[in-house]
Amino acid sequence: MSEQKLSSRQVTVGTAATPLGEGLVTGSEFHLYDTASGNQTVFIGGANVTTSNGFELHKNTHITIHVPERVQLYAVADNAGAVVSVLQIGGI
């Protein structure tokens, strides 16, 4: 029987792509929450994420994303200082 891993963290996101985490073996489920502590808007995507091509994480909302093994998830904000709460479940 494989053991699932669980980790949580707060990630401060700026105007350049910031890593949120990488999918573990067998992939990971990421639960993301924008703490909305300021006027920033956060966008989620791959290494090339920008405010123009990213998936918008609305303030005070939660989303769940499945990230395949060895794939890195990134975030960027339109203003520095945004904080994203990350709960990552998965891997062995």
N, C-alpha and C. Protein backbone atom coordinates (compact mmCIF):
# COMPACT_ATOMS: atom_id res chain seq x y z
N MET A 1 0.84 -1.18 0.00
CA MET A 1 0.00 0.00 0.00
C MET A 1 0.89 1.24 0.00
N SER A 2 0.62 2.19 -0.90
CA SER A 2 1.42 3.40 -0.98
C SER A 2 0.94 4.43 0.03
N GLU A 3 1.87 5.26 0.45
CA GLU A 3 1.58 6.28 1.44
C GLU A 3 1.43 7.63 0.74
N GLN A 4 0.34 8.31 1.00
CA GLN A 4 0.13 9.65 0.44
C GLN A 4 0.86 10.67 1.30
N LYS A 5 1.31 11.74 0.67
CA LYS A 5 1.99 12.81 1.39
C LYS A 5 1.08 14.03 1.42
N LEU A 6 1.22 14.80 2.47
CA LEU A 6 0.41 16.01 2.67
C LEU A 6 1.35 17.12 3.10
N SER A 7 1.29 18.25 2.42
CA SER A 7 2.09 19.40 2.84
C SER A 7 1.28 20.67 2.64
N SER A 8 1.59 21.66 3.45
CA SER A 8 0.91 22.95 3.34
C SER A 8 1.94 24.06 3.47
N ARG A 9 1.64 25.17 2.83
CA ARG A 9 2.56 26.31 2.86
C ARG A 9 1.84 27.58 2.42
N GLN A 10 2.44 28.71 2.74
CA GLN A 10 2.01 30.01 2.25
C GLN A 10 3.09 30.49 1.29
N VAL A 11 2.69 30.87 0.07
CA VAL A 11 3.66 31.30 -0.93
C VAL A 11 3.37 32.75 -1.29
N THR A 12 4.38 33.60 -1.14
CA THR A 12 4.24 35.00 -1.55
C THR A 12 4.57 35.08 -3.04
N VAL A 13 3.64 35.63 -3.80
CA VAL A 13 3.74 35.67 -5.26
C VAL A 13 3.99 37.11 -5.71
N GLY A 14 4.92 37.25 -6.63
CA GLY A 14 5.24 38.57 -7.17
C GLY A 14 4.87 38.67 -8.63
N THR A 15 5.52 39.58 -9.32
CA THR A 15 5.20 39.86 -10.72
C THR A 15 5.97 38.97 -11.70
N ALA A 16 6.79 38.07 -11.18
CA ALA A 16 7.46 37.05 -12.00
C ALA A 16 6.91 35.69 -11.58
N ALA A 17 6.92 34.73 -12.50
CA ALA A 17 6.40 33.39 -12.20
C ALA A 17 7.09 32.82 -10.96
N THR A 18 6.27 32.42 -9.99
CA THR A 18 6.74 31.90 -8.71
C THR A 18 6.27 30.46 -8.55
N PRO A 19 7.16 29.50 -8.27
CA PRO A 19 6.73 28.11 -8.12
C PRO A 19 5.86 27.90 -6.88
N LEU A 20 4.76 27.17 -7.06
CA LEU A 20 3.88 26.80 -5.95
C LEU A 20 4.15 25.38 -5.49
N GLY A 21 4.65 24.53 -6.38
CA GLY A 21 4.95 23.15 -6.04
C GLY A 21 5.01 22.30 -7.29
N GLU A 22 5.52 21.09 -7.11
CA GLU A 22 5.68 20.14 -8.22
C GLU A 22 4.89 18.87 -7.92
N GLY A 23 4.26 18.33 -8.95
CA GLY A 23 3.54 17.07 -8.80
C GLY A 23 4.48 15.96 -8.37
N LEU A 24 4.10 15.23 -7.34
CA LEU A 24 4.91 14.13 -6.83
C LEU A 24 4.63 12.87 -7.63
N VAL A 25 5.28 11.78 -7.28
CA VAL A 25 5.07 10.49 -7.96
C VAL A 25 3.58 10.18 -7.96
N THR A 26 3.05 9.82 -9.08
CA THR A 26 1.63 9.56 -9.36
C THR A 26 0.80 10.83 -9.41
N GLY A 27 1.43 12.00 -9.32
CA GLY A 27 0.71 13.26 -9.40
C GLY A 27 0.29 13.76 -8.03
N SER A 28 -0.15 15.02 -8.01
CA SER A 28 -0.57 15.65 -6.77
C SER A 28 -1.83 16.46 -7.01
N GLU A 29 -2.61 16.57 -5.97
CA GLU A 29 -3.78 17.45 -5.99
C GLU A 29 -3.39 18.69 -5.19
N PHE A 30 -3.55 19.85 -5.82
CA PHE A 30 -3.25 21.12 -5.17
C PHE A 30 -4.55 21.84 -4.86
N HIS A 31 -4.70 22.24 -3.61
CA HIS A 31 -5.82 23.08 -3.19
C HIS A 31 -5.22 24.47 -2.97
N LEU A 32 -5.68 25.45 -3.73
CA LEU A 32 -5.12 26.80 -3.69
C LEU A 32 -6.17 27.78 -3.20
N TYR A 33 -5.73 28.72 -2.38
CA TYR A 33 -6.62 29.75 -1.85
C TYR A 33 -5.90 31.08 -1.89
N ASP A 34 -6.53 32.09 -2.51
CA ASP A 34 -6.00 33.44 -2.55
C ASP A 34 -6.46 34.14 -1.27
N THR A 35 -5.51 34.50 -0.40
CA THR A 35 -5.87 35.09 0.88
C THR A 35 -6.39 36.52 0.77
N ALA A 36 -6.26 37.13 -0.41
CA ALA A 36 -6.83 38.46 -0.68
C ALA A 36 -6.42 39.50 0.36
N SER A 37 -5.15 39.48 0.73
CA SER A 37 -4.68 40.44 1.72
C SER A 37 -4.39 41.81 1.14
N GLY A 38 -4.45 41.95 -0.17
CA GLY A 38 -4.18 43.23 -0.82
C GLY A 38 -4.99 43.38 -2.08
N ASN A 39 -4.52 44.27 -2.96
CA ASN A 39 -5.22 44.53 -4.21
C ASN A 39 -4.70 43.70 -5.37
N GLN A 40 -3.91 42.67 -5.09
CA GLN A 40 -3.31 41.87 -6.14
C GLN A 40 -4.30 40.85 -6.70
N THR A 41 -4.10 40.53 -7.98
CA THR A 41 -4.83 39.43 -8.61
C THR A 41 -3.79 38.37 -8.97
N VAL A 42 -4.10 37.10 -8.65
CA VAL A 42 -3.17 36.00 -8.86
C VAL A 42 -3.62 35.17 -10.05
N PHE A 43 -2.65 34.72 -10.85
CA PHE A 43 -2.90 33.89 -12.01
C PHE A 43 -2.06 32.62 -11.90
N ILE A 44 -2.64 31.47 -12.27
CA ILE A 44 -2.02 30.17 -12.13
C ILE A 44 -1.69 29.61 -13.52
N GLY A 45 -0.58 28.89 -13.64
CA GLY A 45 -0.23 28.25 -14.91
C GLY A 45 1.12 27.57 -14.84
N GLY A 46 1.72 27.40 -16.02
CA GLY A 46 3.03 26.78 -16.13
C GLY A 46 4.14 27.81 -15.97
N ALA A 47 5.35 27.43 -16.33
CA ALA A 47 6.52 28.29 -16.15
C ALA A 47 6.40 29.61 -16.90
N ASN A 48 5.59 29.63 -17.95
CA ASN A 48 5.44 30.84 -18.76
C ASN A 48 4.19 31.64 -18.38
N VAL A 49 3.64 31.40 -17.20
CA VAL A 49 2.41 32.08 -16.80
C VAL A 49 2.63 33.59 -16.70
N THR A 50 1.65 34.33 -17.20
CA THR A 50 1.64 35.79 -17.09
C THR A 50 0.24 36.22 -16.67
N THR A 51 0.09 37.50 -16.44
CA THR A 51 -1.24 38.03 -16.11
C THR A 51 -2.15 38.01 -17.34
N SER A 52 -1.58 37.80 -18.52
CA SER A 52 -2.37 37.75 -19.76
C SER A 52 -2.82 36.34 -20.12
N ASN A 53 -2.04 35.31 -19.72
CA ASN A 53 -2.39 33.95 -20.16
C ASN A 53 -2.73 33.00 -19.02
N GLY A 54 -2.61 33.45 -17.77
CA GLY A 54 -2.85 32.58 -16.63
C GLY A 54 -4.32 32.42 -16.29
N PHE A 55 -4.60 31.40 -15.48
CA PHE A 55 -5.94 31.14 -14.98
C PHE A 55 -6.11 31.97 -13.71
N GLU A 56 -7.08 32.87 -13.70
CA GLU A 56 -7.25 33.78 -12.58
C GLU A 56 -7.79 33.06 -11.34
N LEU A 57 -7.09 33.25 -10.24
CA LEU A 57 -7.53 32.74 -8.94
C LEU A 57 -8.21 33.91 -8.23
N HIS A 58 -9.52 33.90 -8.22
CA HIS A 58 -10.28 35.02 -7.65
C HIS A 58 -10.04 35.14 -6.15
N LYS A 59 -10.06 36.35 -5.67
CA LYS A 59 -9.84 36.62 -4.25
C LYS A 59 -10.83 35.86 -3.38
N ASN A 60 -10.33 35.36 -2.26
CA ASN A 60 -11.14 34.62 -1.28
C ASN A 60 -11.84 33.41 -1.87
N THR A 61 -11.22 32.80 -2.88
CA THR A 61 -11.80 31.58 -3.46
C THR A 61 -10.78 30.45 -3.40
N HIS A 62 -11.28 29.25 -3.52
CA HIS A 62 -10.48 28.04 -3.45
C HIS A 62 -10.64 27.28 -4.76
N ILE A 63 -9.54 26.78 -5.30
CA ILE A 63 -9.62 25.89 -6.46
C ILE A 63 -8.78 24.65 -6.18
N THR A 64 -9.12 23.58 -6.88
CA THR A 64 -8.36 22.33 -6.79
C THR A 64 -7.85 22.00 -8.18
N ILE A 65 -6.56 21.68 -8.27
CA ILE A 65 -5.93 21.35 -9.54
C ILE A 65 -5.14 20.05 -9.37
N HIS A 66 -5.30 19.12 -10.33
CA HIS A 66 -4.47 17.92 -10.34
C HIS A 66 -3.24 18.22 -11.21
N VAL A 67 -2.06 18.01 -10.65
CA VAL A 67 -0.81 18.29 -11.34
C VAL A 67 -0.07 16.96 -11.53
N PRO A 68 0.24 16.61 -12.79
CA PRO A 68 0.94 15.34 -13.05
C PRO A 68 2.32 15.30 -12.40
N GLU A 69 2.84 14.10 -12.27
CA GLU A 69 4.17 13.87 -11.73
C GLU A 69 5.21 14.70 -12.47
N ARG A 70 6.10 15.33 -11.72
CA ARG A 70 7.22 16.14 -12.23
C ARG A 70 6.81 17.38 -13.01
N VAL A 71 5.57 17.80 -12.88
CA VAL A 71 5.12 19.05 -13.52
C VAL A 71 5.04 20.11 -12.43
N GLN A 72 5.64 21.27 -12.71
CA GLN A 72 5.70 22.36 -11.75
C GLN A 72 4.52 23.31 -11.97
N LEU A 73 3.88 23.74 -10.89
CA LEU A 73 2.78 24.69 -10.93
C LEU A 73 3.32 26.05 -10.49
N TYR A 74 2.94 27.10 -11.23
CA TYR A 74 3.43 28.45 -10.95
C TYR A 74 2.27 29.42 -10.76
N ALA A 75 2.60 30.56 -10.14
CA ALA A 75 1.64 31.66 -10.00
C ALA A 75 2.37 32.96 -10.26
N VAL A 76 1.61 33.95 -10.69
CA VAL A 76 2.13 35.30 -10.88
C VAL A 76 1.02 36.26 -10.44
N ALA A 77 1.40 37.45 -10.00
CA ALA A 77 0.41 38.43 -9.58
C ALA A 77 0.61 39.73 -10.34
N ASP A 78 -0.45 40.51 -10.43
CA ASP A 78 -0.32 41.79 -11.12
C ASP A 78 0.41 42.83 -10.27
N ASN A 79 0.51 42.61 -8.98
CA ASN A 79 1.29 43.45 -8.06
C ASN A 79 1.99 42.53 -7.06
N ALA A 80 3.17 42.90 -6.64
CA ALA A 80 3.94 42.05 -5.72
C ALA A 80 3.24 41.93 -4.37
N GLY A 81 3.50 40.83 -3.68
CA GLY A 81 3.03 40.66 -2.32
C GLY A 81 1.79 39.83 -2.13
N ALA A 82 1.24 39.24 -3.18
CA ALA A 82 0.07 38.38 -3.03
C ALA A 82 0.48 37.11 -2.29
N VAL A 83 -0.42 36.56 -1.48
CA VAL A 83 -0.13 35.34 -0.74
C VAL A 83 -1.15 34.27 -1.12
N VAL A 84 -0.63 33.11 -1.52
CA VAL A 84 -1.46 31.97 -1.88
C VAL A 84 -1.23 30.86 -0.86
N SER A 85 -2.31 30.37 -0.28
CA SER A 85 -2.23 29.20 0.61
C SER A 85 -2.28 27.95 -0.26
N VAL A 86 -1.35 27.02 -0.01
CA VAL A 86 -1.24 25.80 -0.81
C VAL A 86 -1.35 24.59 0.11
N LEU A 87 -2.25 23.68 -0.23
CA LEU A 87 -2.33 22.37 0.41
C LEU A 87 -2.10 21.37 -0.71
N GLN A 88 -1.05 20.55 -0.58
CA GLN A 88 -0.68 19.59 -1.61
C GLN A 88 -0.85 18.18 -1.07
N ILE A 89 -1.59 17.35 -1.80
CA ILE A 89 -1.84 15.97 -1.42
C ILE A 89 -1.42 15.08 -2.57
N GLY A 90 -0.66 14.03 -2.28
CA GLY A 90 -0.30 13.08 -3.33
C GLY A 90 1.11 12.59 -3.21
N GLY A 91 1.46 11.74 -4.15
CA GLY A 91 2.80 11.16 -4.17
C GLY A 91 2.87 9.92 -3.30
N ILE A 92 4.01 9.26 -3.39
CA ILE A 92 4.26 8.09 -2.56
C ILE A 92 5.63 8.19 -1.94
